[in-house]
Amino acid sequence: MLKRKVQGHNAYYGITGNSRGIGSFSYHAQNAWFEWLNRRGGKKPLSWEKYSQWLREVFHWPAPRIRPRSRVA
């Protein structure tokens, strides 16, 4: 569900001139999820390196992309 929400945010706000905004949103979403996962009681904390690797290889975190504006005639 989180992945779909991030994809939707990137699709809606990924316009020319907003690369900093969607990059910041992606970073903050990843950071909030990392902190939430580390709140689990009784388990060893997750390292940022292991978490980043998991996001890339297993979860396939959507990369923020700028889509070209469509031209309406």
N, C-alpha and C. Protein backbone atom coordinates (compact mmCIF):
# COMPACT_ATOMS: atom_id res chain seq x y z
N MET A 1 0.82 -1.18 0.00
CA MET A 1 0.00 0.00 0.00
C MET A 1 0.88 1.26 0.00
N LEU A 2 1.95 1.23 0.80
CA LEU A 2 2.85 2.39 0.84
C LEU A 2 3.49 2.62 -0.52
N LYS A 3 3.89 1.54 -1.16
CA LYS A 3 4.52 1.66 -2.48
C LYS A 3 3.57 2.30 -3.48
N ARG A 4 2.30 1.91 -3.46
CA ARG A 4 1.33 2.50 -4.39
C ARG A 4 1.09 3.97 -4.09
N LYS A 5 1.10 4.34 -2.82
CA LYS A 5 0.91 5.74 -2.47
C LYS A 5 2.07 6.60 -2.95
N VAL A 6 3.29 6.08 -2.80
CA VAL A 6 4.47 6.82 -3.27
C VAL A 6 4.45 6.92 -4.80
N GLN A 7 4.07 5.85 -5.48
CA GLN A 7 3.97 5.89 -6.93
C GLN A 7 2.94 6.92 -7.38
N GLY A 8 1.80 6.97 -6.71
CA GLY A 8 0.77 7.94 -7.04
C GLY A 8 1.23 9.36 -6.79
N HIS A 9 1.94 9.58 -5.70
CA HIS A 9 2.47 10.92 -5.40
C HIS A 9 3.47 11.34 -6.48
N ASN A 10 4.35 10.42 -6.87
CA ASN A 10 5.33 10.73 -7.90
C ASN A 10 4.65 11.01 -9.24
N ALA A 11 3.60 10.27 -9.56
CA ALA A 11 2.90 10.48 -10.82
C ALA A 11 2.20 11.85 -10.85
N TYR A 12 1.62 12.24 -9.74
CA TYR A 12 0.87 13.49 -9.69
C TYR A 12 1.79 14.71 -9.61
N TYR A 13 2.80 14.65 -8.74
CA TYR A 13 3.66 15.81 -8.50
C TYR A 13 4.95 15.78 -9.30
N GLY A 14 5.19 14.73 -10.09
CA GLY A 14 6.44 14.61 -10.84
C GLY A 14 6.43 15.41 -12.12
N ILE A 15 6.37 16.72 -11.99
CA ILE A 15 6.37 17.60 -13.16
C ILE A 15 7.67 18.38 -13.20
N THR A 16 7.94 18.97 -14.32
CA THR A 16 9.16 19.75 -14.50
C THR A 16 9.23 20.85 -13.43
N GLY A 17 10.39 20.94 -12.78
CA GLY A 17 10.60 21.96 -11.77
C GLY A 17 10.29 21.50 -10.36
N ASN A 18 9.86 20.25 -10.18
CA ASN A 18 9.50 19.78 -8.84
C ASN A 18 10.36 18.60 -8.41
N SER A 19 11.54 18.45 -8.97
CA SER A 19 12.38 17.30 -8.63
C SER A 19 12.81 17.34 -7.17
N ARG A 20 13.08 18.51 -6.64
CA ARG A 20 13.47 18.62 -5.24
C ARG A 20 12.32 18.20 -4.33
N GLY A 21 11.12 18.57 -4.67
CA GLY A 21 9.96 18.25 -3.86
C GLY A 21 9.66 16.76 -3.81
N ILE A 22 9.67 16.07 -4.96
CA ILE A 22 9.36 14.64 -4.93
C ILE A 22 10.53 13.84 -4.37
N GLY A 23 11.75 14.34 -4.55
CA GLY A 23 12.91 13.67 -3.93
C GLY A 23 12.85 13.77 -2.42
N SER A 24 12.45 14.93 -1.92
CA SER A 24 12.32 15.14 -0.48
C SER A 24 11.20 14.27 0.09
N PHE A 25 10.08 14.18 -0.62
CA PHE A 25 8.98 13.34 -0.17
C PHE A 25 9.42 11.88 -0.08
N SER A 26 10.13 11.39 -1.08
CA SER A 26 10.60 10.01 -1.09
C SER A 26 11.54 9.75 0.08
N TYR A 27 12.46 10.68 0.31
CA TYR A 27 13.41 10.53 1.42
C TYR A 27 12.69 10.48 2.76
N HIS A 28 11.75 11.40 2.97
CA HIS A 28 11.05 11.46 4.25
C HIS A 28 10.14 10.25 4.45
N ALA A 29 9.54 9.75 3.38
CA ALA A 29 8.71 8.54 3.50
C ALA A 29 9.58 7.34 3.87
N GLN A 30 10.75 7.22 3.25
CA GLN A 30 11.67 6.12 3.58
C GLN A 30 12.14 6.24 5.03
N ASN A 31 12.47 7.44 5.45
CA ASN A 31 12.96 7.67 6.81
C ASN A 31 11.88 7.35 7.85
N ALA A 32 10.65 7.77 7.59
CA ALA A 32 9.55 7.51 8.53
C ALA A 32 9.28 6.01 8.64
N TRP A 33 9.32 5.31 7.51
CA TRP A 33 9.09 3.87 7.53
C TRP A 33 10.23 3.15 8.26
N PHE A 34 11.46 3.61 8.05
CA PHE A 34 12.62 3.04 8.75
C PHE A 34 12.46 3.17 10.26
N GLU A 35 12.07 4.36 10.71
CA GLU A 35 11.87 4.58 12.14
C GLU A 35 10.73 3.74 12.67
N TRP A 36 9.66 3.60 11.89
CA TRP A 36 8.52 2.81 12.33
C TRP A 36 8.91 1.33 12.46
N LEU A 37 9.67 0.82 11.50
CA LEU A 37 10.10 -0.58 11.55
C LEU A 37 11.02 -0.83 12.75
N ASN A 38 11.79 0.16 13.14
CA ASN A 38 12.70 -0.01 14.27
C ASN A 38 12.01 0.14 15.62
N ARG A 39 10.74 0.47 15.63
CA ARG A 39 10.00 0.58 16.89
C ARG A 39 9.50 -0.77 17.38
N ARG A 40 9.63 -1.79 16.56
CA ARG A 40 9.14 -3.11 16.96
C ARG A 40 9.87 -3.56 18.21
N GLY A 41 9.12 -3.92 19.22
CA GLY A 41 9.71 -4.31 20.49
C GLY A 41 10.33 -5.70 20.46
N GLY A 42 11.44 -5.86 21.17
CA GLY A 42 12.06 -7.15 21.32
C GLY A 42 12.88 -7.63 20.14
N LYS A 43 13.00 -6.82 19.12
CA LYS A 43 13.78 -7.23 17.95
C LYS A 43 15.00 -6.33 17.81
N LYS A 44 16.02 -6.90 17.19
CA LYS A 44 17.25 -6.15 16.93
C LYS A 44 16.95 -5.01 15.95
N PRO A 45 17.45 -3.80 16.22
CA PRO A 45 17.19 -2.68 15.31
C PRO A 45 17.76 -2.94 13.91
N LEU A 46 17.09 -2.43 12.94
CA LEU A 46 17.49 -2.57 11.55
C LEU A 46 18.50 -1.47 11.22
N SER A 47 19.61 -1.82 10.56
CA SER A 47 20.59 -0.81 10.17
C SER A 47 20.12 -0.12 8.90
N TRP A 48 20.56 1.13 8.71
CA TRP A 48 20.17 1.88 7.51
C TRP A 48 20.72 1.20 6.26
N GLU A 49 21.91 0.62 6.30
CA GLU A 49 22.50 -0.05 5.14
C GLU A 49 21.66 -1.26 4.73
N LYS A 50 21.28 -2.08 5.70
CA LYS A 50 20.47 -3.26 5.42
C LYS A 50 19.08 -2.85 4.92
N TYR A 51 18.53 -1.81 5.51
CA TYR A 51 17.22 -1.30 5.09
C TYR A 51 17.27 -0.78 3.65
N SER A 52 18.31 -0.03 3.30
CA SER A 52 18.45 0.50 1.94
C SER A 52 18.59 -0.63 0.93
N GLN A 53 19.36 -1.64 1.27
CA GLN A 53 19.52 -2.79 0.39
C GLN A 53 18.18 -3.50 0.21
N TRP A 54 17.43 -3.67 1.28
CA TRP A 54 16.13 -4.32 1.20
C TRP A 54 15.17 -3.52 0.32
N LEU A 55 15.19 -2.18 0.45
CA LEU A 55 14.32 -1.35 -0.37
C LEU A 55 14.62 -1.52 -1.86
N ARG A 56 15.90 -1.58 -2.21
CA ARG A 56 16.29 -1.71 -3.61
C ARG A 56 16.00 -3.10 -4.16
N GLU A 57 16.43 -4.13 -3.45
CA GLU A 57 16.42 -5.49 -4.00
C GLU A 57 15.11 -6.23 -3.81
N VAL A 58 14.44 -6.03 -2.70
CA VAL A 58 13.23 -6.81 -2.40
C VAL A 58 11.97 -5.99 -2.65
N PHE A 59 11.92 -4.80 -2.09
CA PHE A 59 10.72 -3.99 -2.13
C PHE A 59 10.58 -3.21 -3.43
N HIS A 60 11.68 -2.91 -4.09
CA HIS A 60 11.71 -2.12 -5.33
C HIS A 60 11.02 -0.76 -5.13
N TRP A 61 11.60 0.03 -4.22
CA TRP A 61 11.07 1.35 -3.91
C TRP A 61 11.00 2.18 -5.19
N PRO A 62 9.87 2.82 -5.47
CA PRO A 62 9.75 3.61 -6.71
C PRO A 62 10.64 4.85 -6.69
N ALA A 63 11.44 4.99 -7.70
CA ALA A 63 12.34 6.14 -7.80
C ALA A 63 11.54 7.37 -8.22
N PRO A 64 11.82 8.53 -7.61
CA PRO A 64 11.12 9.74 -8.04
C PRO A 64 11.55 10.12 -9.45
N ARG A 65 10.58 10.35 -10.31
CA ARG A 65 10.87 10.68 -11.70
C ARG A 65 10.10 11.91 -12.13
N ILE A 66 10.72 12.69 -12.97
CA ILE A 66 10.07 13.84 -13.57
C ILE A 66 9.53 13.40 -14.92
N ARG A 67 8.24 13.56 -15.11
CA ARG A 67 7.61 13.19 -16.38
C ARG A 67 7.47 14.46 -17.22
N PRO A 68 7.72 14.36 -18.51
CA PRO A 68 7.57 15.54 -19.36
C PRO A 68 6.11 15.98 -19.41
N ARG A 69 5.93 17.26 -19.52
CA ARG A 69 4.57 17.80 -19.62
C ARG A 69 3.97 17.40 -20.95
N SER A 70 2.70 17.04 -20.92
CA SER A 70 2.03 16.71 -22.18
C SER A 70 1.53 18.02 -22.80
N ARG A 71 1.63 18.06 -24.08
CA ARG A 71 1.21 19.27 -24.79
C ARG A 71 -0.20 19.07 -25.32
N VAL A 72 -1.06 20.00 -25.00
CA VAL A 72 -2.43 19.94 -25.47
C VAL A 72 -2.56 20.91 -26.63
N ALA A 73 -3.07 20.40 -27.74
CA ALA A 73 -3.18 21.24 -28.94
C ALA A 73 -4.42 22.08 -28.93
